[in-house]
Amino acid sequence: MLNEEKIKVMNKLAMYEQSEGKKYLPVSRYYRSDYIGLAMIKNFFLITIGYVLVLAGIAAYFGEYLVDNIHKMNLVALGIEAVVGYIVVLVLFSVLTYIQYSVKYYRAKKSVKTYYEDLTRLNKIYNREEKKNSVRGVSGGYKK
């Protein structure tokens, strides 16, 4: 005999896994600090690569001016400005990344909480059915 409650719970779980679950279930497997830490490391490398590419683009755009006037420039001050600019950009994007991934983590945990509650409910249904079958003497396997 089919158990309608079990079918409804299983359907709800399957629908969650196909929609929101694809986005939130992988996030919920991490500790908060690990998830945000990985995002910060990825952010560091991407910002560094991006900043170097932007500086290279600026240098290419003003290449003729730089070649003609390099002997008049204060290269130490230019280098300090580039490093300070990098630090400012890195700090700014690190703060934004921290906020974004913290919010994403808490949304995932909240969403997955109802999923785990439904899993617990399904487990209780299975335990009830198993208990009912064991009382009747019905086993799940074939007798030889």
N, C-alpha and C. Protein backbone atom coordinates (compact mmCIF):
# COMPACT_ATOMS: atom_id res chain seq x y z
N MET A 1 0.84 -1.17 0.00
CA MET A 1 0.00 0.00 0.00
C MET A 1 0.90 1.24 0.00
N LEU A 2 0.50 2.25 -0.74
CA LEU A 2 1.28 3.47 -0.86
C LEU A 2 0.99 4.40 0.31
N ASN A 3 2.03 5.00 0.80
CA ASN A 3 1.90 5.96 1.89
C ASN A 3 1.95 7.36 1.28
N GLU A 4 0.83 8.06 1.30
CA GLU A 4 0.75 9.38 0.66
C GLU A 4 1.67 10.39 1.31
N GLU A 5 1.78 10.34 2.64
CA GLU A 5 2.66 11.29 3.34
C GLU A 5 4.11 11.10 2.90
N LYS A 6 4.52 9.84 2.78
CA LYS A 6 5.90 9.56 2.35
C LYS A 6 6.13 10.05 0.92
N ILE A 7 5.17 9.85 0.05
CA ILE A 7 5.30 10.29 -1.34
C ILE A 7 5.38 11.81 -1.42
N LYS A 8 4.57 12.50 -0.63
CA LYS A 8 4.60 13.97 -0.64
C LYS A 8 5.95 14.50 -0.16
N VAL A 9 6.47 13.90 0.91
CA VAL A 9 7.77 14.34 1.44
C VAL A 9 8.88 14.06 0.44
N MET A 10 8.84 12.89 -0.17
CA MET A 10 9.87 12.53 -1.15
C MET A 10 9.80 13.45 -2.37
N ASN A 11 8.61 13.79 -2.79
CA ASN A 11 8.44 14.70 -3.92
C ASN A 11 8.97 16.09 -3.58
N LYS A 12 8.67 16.55 -2.37
CA LYS A 12 9.16 17.86 -1.92
C LYS A 12 10.70 17.88 -1.88
N LEU A 13 11.29 16.80 -1.38
CA LEU A 13 12.75 16.71 -1.31
C LEU A 13 13.36 16.69 -2.72
N ALA A 14 12.76 15.94 -3.62
CA ALA A 14 13.28 15.85 -4.98
C ALA A 14 13.18 17.20 -5.69
N MET A 15 12.08 17.90 -5.49
CA MET A 15 11.91 19.21 -6.13
C MET A 15 12.94 20.20 -5.58
N TYR A 16 13.20 20.13 -4.27
CA TYR A 16 14.21 21.02 -3.69
C TYR A 16 15.58 20.72 -4.27
N GLU A 17 15.91 19.43 -4.38
CA GLU A 17 17.22 19.05 -4.91
C GLU A 17 17.41 19.50 -6.35
N GLN A 18 16.33 19.56 -7.12
CA GLN A 18 16.42 19.97 -8.52
C GLN A 18 16.43 21.48 -8.70
N SER A 19 15.93 22.23 -7.72
CA SER A 19 15.88 23.69 -7.88
C SER A 19 16.90 24.36 -6.97
N GLU A 20 16.48 24.80 -5.81
CA GLU A 20 17.36 25.52 -4.89
C GLU A 20 18.51 24.66 -4.38
N GLY A 21 18.28 23.39 -4.27
CA GLY A 21 19.28 22.48 -3.72
C GLY A 21 20.57 22.46 -4.52
N LYS A 22 20.47 22.64 -5.83
CA LYS A 22 21.68 22.66 -6.66
C LYS A 22 22.61 23.78 -6.24
N LYS A 23 22.02 24.88 -5.79
CA LYS A 23 22.82 26.04 -5.40
C LYS A 23 23.24 25.97 -3.93
N TYR A 24 22.33 25.50 -3.07
CA TYR A 24 22.55 25.60 -1.63
C TYR A 24 23.16 24.36 -0.98
N LEU A 25 22.89 23.19 -1.49
CA LEU A 25 23.41 21.98 -0.83
C LEU A 25 24.95 21.91 -0.83
N PRO A 26 25.64 22.26 -1.94
CA PRO A 26 27.11 22.25 -1.87
C PRO A 26 27.67 23.24 -0.85
N VAL A 27 27.01 24.38 -0.70
CA VAL A 27 27.48 25.39 0.26
C VAL A 27 27.34 24.88 1.68
N SER A 28 26.26 24.15 1.95
CA SER A 28 25.99 23.72 3.32
C SER A 28 26.96 22.66 3.81
N ARG A 29 27.75 22.09 2.93
CA ARG A 29 28.70 21.06 3.33
C ARG A 29 29.98 21.65 3.94
N TYR A 30 30.14 22.95 3.84
CA TYR A 30 31.33 23.63 4.38
C TYR A 30 31.04 24.23 5.74
N TYR A 31 32.08 24.38 6.53
CA TYR A 31 31.99 25.24 7.70
C TYR A 31 32.02 26.67 7.18
N ARG A 32 31.45 27.58 7.94
CA ARG A 32 31.37 28.98 7.52
C ARG A 32 32.77 29.54 7.24
N SER A 33 33.70 29.32 8.15
CA SER A 33 35.05 29.88 7.99
C SER A 33 35.75 29.29 6.77
N ASP A 34 35.54 28.01 6.49
CA ASP A 34 36.16 27.39 5.31
C ASP A 34 35.58 27.96 4.02
N TYR A 35 34.26 28.11 3.99
CA TYR A 35 33.59 28.60 2.79
C TYR A 35 34.03 30.03 2.48
N ILE A 36 34.03 30.87 3.49
CA ILE A 36 34.42 32.27 3.29
C ILE A 36 35.92 32.36 3.02
N GLY A 37 36.71 31.54 3.70
CA GLY A 37 38.16 31.53 3.48
C GLY A 37 38.53 31.17 2.05
N LEU A 38 37.87 30.16 1.50
CA LEU A 38 38.13 29.79 0.11
C LEU A 38 37.75 30.92 -0.85
N ALA A 39 36.65 31.59 -0.55
CA ALA A 39 36.23 32.72 -1.39
C ALA A 39 37.24 33.86 -1.30
N MET A 40 37.81 34.08 -0.13
CA MET A 40 38.78 35.15 0.04
C MET A 40 40.09 34.83 -0.70
N ILE A 41 40.50 33.57 -0.66
CA ILE A 41 41.70 33.17 -1.39
C ILE A 41 41.50 33.35 -2.89
N LYS A 42 40.35 32.90 -3.38
CA LYS A 42 40.03 33.06 -4.79
C LYS A 42 39.98 34.55 -5.16
N ASN A 43 39.39 35.35 -4.27
CA ASN A 43 39.32 36.79 -4.48
C ASN A 43 40.72 37.40 -4.58
N PHE A 44 41.64 36.99 -3.71
CA PHE A 44 43.00 37.51 -3.73
C PHE A 44 43.67 37.29 -5.08
N PHE A 45 43.59 36.06 -5.58
CA PHE A 45 44.24 35.76 -6.85
C PHE A 45 43.58 36.48 -8.01
N LEU A 46 42.26 36.54 -8.02
CA LEU A 46 41.58 37.22 -9.12
C LEU A 46 41.83 38.72 -9.11
N ILE A 47 41.87 39.33 -7.94
CA ILE A 47 42.14 40.77 -7.85
C ILE A 47 43.58 41.04 -8.28
N THR A 48 44.51 40.20 -7.86
CA THR A 48 45.90 40.39 -8.25
C THR A 48 46.07 40.31 -9.77
N ILE A 49 45.49 39.29 -10.36
CA ILE A 49 45.58 39.14 -11.82
C ILE A 49 44.91 40.32 -12.52
N GLY A 50 43.73 40.70 -12.05
CA GLY A 50 43.01 41.83 -12.65
C GLY A 50 43.78 43.13 -12.54
N TYR A 51 44.36 43.37 -11.37
CA TYR A 51 45.10 44.62 -11.16
C TYR A 51 46.33 44.68 -12.07
N VAL A 52 47.03 43.56 -12.19
CA VAL A 52 48.20 43.52 -13.06
C VAL A 52 47.78 43.75 -14.52
N LEU A 53 46.67 43.17 -14.92
CA LEU A 53 46.19 43.37 -16.29
C LEU A 53 45.78 44.83 -16.54
N VAL A 54 45.14 45.45 -15.56
CA VAL A 54 44.76 46.86 -15.70
C VAL A 54 46.01 47.73 -15.80
N LEU A 55 47.00 47.48 -14.94
CA LEU A 55 48.25 48.25 -15.02
C LEU A 55 48.95 48.04 -16.36
N ALA A 56 48.94 46.81 -16.85
CA ALA A 56 49.56 46.53 -18.15
C ALA A 56 48.80 47.26 -19.27
N GLY A 57 47.49 47.30 -19.17
CA GLY A 57 46.69 48.02 -20.17
C GLY A 57 46.96 49.51 -20.14
N ILE A 58 47.06 50.08 -18.94
CA ILE A 58 47.38 51.51 -18.81
C ILE A 58 48.76 51.79 -19.37
N ALA A 59 49.72 50.93 -19.03
CA ALA A 59 51.09 51.11 -19.54
C ALA A 59 51.13 50.99 -21.05
N ALA A 60 50.35 50.09 -21.62
CA ALA A 60 50.32 49.95 -23.08
C ALA A 60 49.68 51.16 -23.73
N TYR A 61 48.63 51.68 -23.11
CA TYR A 61 47.93 52.83 -23.68
C TYR A 61 48.82 54.07 -23.68
N PHE A 62 49.55 54.27 -22.56
CA PHE A 62 50.44 55.43 -22.45
C PHE A 62 51.88 55.06 -22.74
N GLY A 63 52.09 54.00 -23.50
CA GLY A 63 53.43 53.48 -23.77
C GLY A 63 54.37 54.50 -24.39
N GLU A 64 53.91 55.23 -25.39
CA GLU A 64 54.77 56.21 -26.05
C GLU A 64 55.17 57.32 -25.09
N TYR A 65 54.22 57.81 -24.30
CA TYR A 65 54.51 58.85 -23.31
C TYR A 65 55.51 58.33 -22.28
N LEU A 66 55.31 57.10 -21.81
CA LEU A 66 56.21 56.53 -20.81
C LEU A 66 57.63 56.40 -21.35
N VAL A 67 57.78 55.96 -22.58
CA VAL A 67 59.11 55.79 -23.17
C VAL A 67 59.80 57.14 -23.34
N ASP A 68 59.04 58.15 -23.76
CA ASP A 68 59.62 59.48 -23.99
C ASP A 68 59.99 60.18 -22.69
N ASN A 69 59.25 59.96 -21.62
CA ASN A 69 59.43 60.72 -20.37
C ASN A 69 59.88 59.90 -19.18
N ILE A 70 60.36 58.70 -19.38
CA ILE A 70 60.74 57.85 -18.26
C ILE A 70 61.89 58.44 -17.45
N HIS A 71 62.76 59.19 -18.11
CA HIS A 71 63.90 59.77 -17.42
C HIS A 71 63.47 60.94 -16.53
N LYS A 72 62.29 61.52 -16.74
CA LYS A 72 61.79 62.63 -15.93
C LYS A 72 60.90 62.16 -14.77
N MET A 73 60.49 60.92 -14.79
CA MET A 73 59.54 60.42 -13.79
C MET A 73 60.24 59.97 -12.51
N ASN A 74 59.50 60.09 -11.42
CA ASN A 74 59.95 59.56 -10.15
C ASN A 74 59.39 58.13 -10.05
N LEU A 75 60.21 57.15 -10.42
CA LEU A 75 59.75 55.78 -10.51
C LEU A 75 59.42 55.17 -9.15
N VAL A 76 60.12 55.62 -8.12
CA VAL A 76 59.83 55.11 -6.77
C VAL A 76 58.43 55.56 -6.35
N ALA A 77 58.10 56.82 -6.56
CA ALA A 77 56.76 57.32 -6.21
C ALA A 77 55.69 56.63 -7.05
N LEU A 78 55.98 56.38 -8.32
CA LEU A 78 55.03 55.69 -9.19
C LEU A 78 54.79 54.26 -8.70
N GLY A 79 55.86 53.60 -8.29
CA GLY A 79 55.74 52.24 -7.74
C GLY A 79 54.96 52.21 -6.45
N ILE A 80 55.21 53.21 -5.57
CA ILE A 80 54.48 53.29 -4.31
C ILE A 80 53.00 53.51 -4.57
N GLU A 81 52.68 54.39 -5.52
CA GLU A 81 51.28 54.64 -5.87
C GLU A 81 50.61 53.37 -6.41
N ALA A 82 51.33 52.61 -7.20
CA ALA A 82 50.78 51.36 -7.74
C ALA A 82 50.51 50.36 -6.63
N VAL A 83 51.44 50.24 -5.67
CA VAL A 83 51.26 49.30 -4.56
C VAL A 83 50.13 49.75 -3.65
N VAL A 84 50.07 51.05 -3.34
CA VAL A 84 48.98 51.57 -2.49
C VAL A 84 47.63 51.37 -3.19
N GLY A 85 47.59 51.63 -4.49
CA GLY A 85 46.37 51.39 -5.24
C GLY A 85 45.94 49.94 -5.20
N TYR A 86 46.92 49.04 -5.32
CA TYR A 86 46.63 47.61 -5.24
C TYR A 86 46.05 47.24 -3.88
N ILE A 87 46.67 47.76 -2.83
CA ILE A 87 46.20 47.44 -1.47
C ILE A 87 44.78 47.97 -1.26
N VAL A 88 44.50 49.16 -1.73
CA VAL A 88 43.16 49.74 -1.58
C VAL A 88 42.13 48.89 -2.33
N VAL A 89 42.44 48.53 -3.56
CA VAL A 89 41.52 47.72 -4.35
C VAL A 89 41.33 46.35 -3.70
N LEU A 90 42.41 45.75 -3.23
CA LEU A 90 42.34 44.44 -2.59
C LEU A 90 41.48 44.48 -1.33
N VAL A 91 41.69 45.48 -0.49
CA VAL A 91 40.90 45.59 0.74
C VAL A 91 39.43 45.82 0.41
N LEU A 92 39.15 46.71 -0.53
CA LEU A 92 37.77 47.00 -0.91
C LEU A 92 37.06 45.74 -1.40
N PHE A 93 37.67 45.03 -2.33
CA PHE A 93 37.03 43.83 -2.86
C PHE A 93 37.00 42.69 -1.86
N SER A 94 37.96 42.64 -0.95
CA SER A 94 37.94 41.61 0.09
C SER A 94 36.76 41.82 1.03
N VAL A 95 36.51 43.06 1.40
CA VAL A 95 35.36 43.36 2.26
C VAL A 95 34.06 43.00 1.55
N LEU A 96 33.95 43.37 0.28
CA LEU A 96 32.75 43.05 -0.49
C LEU A 96 32.57 41.54 -0.64
N THR A 97 33.66 40.83 -0.86
CA THR A 97 33.60 39.37 -0.98
C THR A 97 33.18 38.74 0.34
N TYR A 98 33.72 39.22 1.45
CA TYR A 98 33.36 38.70 2.76
C TYR A 98 31.87 38.87 3.02
N ILE A 99 31.36 40.05 2.73
CA ILE A 99 29.93 40.31 2.95
C ILE A 99 29.09 39.42 2.05
N GLN A 100 29.44 39.35 0.77
CA GLN A 100 28.66 38.56 -0.19
C GLN A 100 28.62 37.09 0.20
N TYR A 101 29.75 36.52 0.53
CA TYR A 101 29.78 35.09 0.84
C TYR A 101 29.21 34.78 2.21
N SER A 102 29.26 35.72 3.15
CA SER A 102 28.59 35.53 4.43
C SER A 102 27.09 35.46 4.24
N VAL A 103 26.55 36.38 3.46
CA VAL A 103 25.11 36.39 3.19
C VAL A 103 24.71 35.11 2.44
N LYS A 104 25.51 34.73 1.46
CA LYS A 104 25.22 33.53 0.68
C LYS A 104 25.23 32.29 1.58
N TYR A 105 26.17 32.23 2.52
CA TYR A 105 26.27 31.08 3.41
C TYR A 105 25.06 31.01 4.33
N TYR A 106 24.66 32.14 4.91
CA TYR A 106 23.52 32.13 5.82
C TYR A 106 22.21 31.81 5.09
N ARG A 107 22.06 32.27 3.85
CA ARG A 107 20.87 31.91 3.06
C ARG A 107 20.85 30.42 2.78
N ALA A 108 22.00 29.87 2.46
CA ALA A 108 22.09 28.44 2.18
C ALA A 108 21.75 27.63 3.42
N LYS A 109 22.29 28.00 4.56
CA LYS A 109 22.01 27.27 5.79
C LYS A 109 20.53 27.33 6.15
N LYS A 110 19.93 28.48 5.96
CA LYS A 110 18.50 28.64 6.27
C LYS A 110 17.67 27.79 5.32
N SER A 111 18.01 27.78 4.05
CA SER A 111 17.27 27.01 3.06
C SER A 111 17.43 25.51 3.29
N VAL A 112 18.62 25.09 3.61
CA VAL A 112 18.90 23.66 3.77
C VAL A 112 18.32 23.14 5.08
N LYS A 113 18.08 24.01 6.04
CA LYS A 113 17.51 23.59 7.32
C LYS A 113 16.16 22.91 7.11
N THR A 114 15.29 23.49 6.29
CA THR A 114 13.98 22.88 6.04
C THR A 114 14.15 21.56 5.27
N TYR A 115 15.14 21.51 4.40
CA TYR A 115 15.42 20.27 3.67
C TYR A 115 15.79 19.15 4.64
N TYR A 116 16.66 19.44 5.60
CA TYR A 116 17.06 18.43 6.58
C TYR A 116 15.91 18.06 7.50
N GLU A 117 15.03 19.01 7.81
CA GLU A 117 13.84 18.69 8.61
C GLU A 117 12.95 17.71 7.86
N ASP A 118 12.80 17.92 6.55
CA ASP A 118 12.00 16.99 5.75
C ASP A 118 12.67 15.62 5.65
N LEU A 119 13.99 15.59 5.57
CA LEU A 119 14.70 14.31 5.57
C LEU A 119 14.47 13.55 6.87
N THR A 120 14.49 14.28 7.97
CA THR A 120 14.23 13.67 9.27
C THR A 120 12.80 13.12 9.32
N ARG A 121 11.87 13.90 8.80
CA ARG A 121 10.47 13.45 8.75
C ARG A 121 10.34 12.17 7.91
N LEU A 122 11.02 12.12 6.78
CA LEU A 122 10.99 10.93 5.93
C LEU A 122 11.61 9.73 6.64
N ASN A 123 12.69 9.97 7.36
CA ASN A 123 13.34 8.90 8.11
C ASN A 123 12.39 8.35 9.18
N LYS A 124 11.65 9.22 9.85
CA LYS A 124 10.69 8.77 10.86
C LYS A 124 9.58 7.93 10.22
N ILE A 125 9.15 8.33 9.03
CA ILE A 125 8.12 7.55 8.32
C ILE A 125 8.65 6.16 8.01
N TYR A 126 9.90 6.08 7.52
CA TYR A 126 10.49 4.78 7.23
C TYR A 126 10.64 3.94 8.50
N ASN A 127 11.05 4.56 9.59
CA ASN A 127 11.19 3.83 10.85
C ASN A 127 9.85 3.30 11.34
N ARG A 128 8.80 4.12 11.20
CA ARG A 128 7.45 3.68 11.59
C ARG A 128 7.02 2.48 10.75
N GLU A 129 7.25 2.56 9.43
CA GLU A 129 6.87 1.45 8.55
C GLU A 129 7.67 0.20 8.87
N GLU A 130 8.95 0.37 9.16
CA GLU A 130 9.79 -0.77 9.49
C GLU A 130 9.33 -1.43 10.78
N LYS A 131 8.99 -0.60 11.75
CA LYS A 131 8.51 -1.10 13.04
C LYS A 131 7.19 -1.85 12.85
N LYS A 132 6.32 -1.27 12.02
CA LYS A 132 5.03 -1.88 11.75
C LYS A 132 5.22 -3.23 11.06
N ASN A 133 6.13 -3.30 10.11
CA ASN A 133 6.39 -4.54 9.38
C ASN A 133 7.04 -5.60 10.27
N SER A 134 7.92 -5.17 11.18
CA SER A 134 8.58 -6.14 12.05
C SER A 134 7.60 -6.70 13.08
N VAL A 135 6.61 -5.90 13.49
CA VAL A 135 5.60 -6.39 14.42
C VAL A 135 4.73 -7.44 13.74
N ARG A 136 4.42 -7.23 12.46
CA ARG A 136 3.61 -8.18 11.71
C ARG A 136 4.40 -9.43 11.33
N GLY A 137 5.71 -9.35 11.40
CA GLY A 137 6.55 -10.48 11.01
C GLY A 137 6.88 -10.47 9.55
N VAL A 138 6.70 -9.36 8.88
CA VAL A 138 7.01 -9.26 7.46
C VAL A 138 8.45 -8.78 7.34
N SER A 139 9.22 -9.47 6.54
CA SER A 139 10.60 -9.03 6.32
C SER A 139 10.73 -8.42 4.94
N GLY A 140 11.75 -7.61 4.77
CA GLY A 140 11.96 -6.93 3.50
C GLY A 140 12.58 -7.82 2.45
N GLY A 141 13.17 -8.94 2.85
CA GLY A 141 13.86 -9.78 1.88
C GLY A 141 13.03 -11.01 1.51
N TYR A 142 13.59 -11.81 0.61
CA TYR A 142 12.92 -13.05 0.17
C TYR A 142 13.37 -14.20 1.07
N LYS A 143 12.46 -15.10 1.36
CA LYS A 143 12.80 -16.28 2.14
C LYS A 143 13.23 -17.38 1.20
N LYS A 144 14.22 -18.14 1.62
CA LYS A 144 14.71 -19.24 0.78
C LYS A 144 13.99 -20.51 1.12
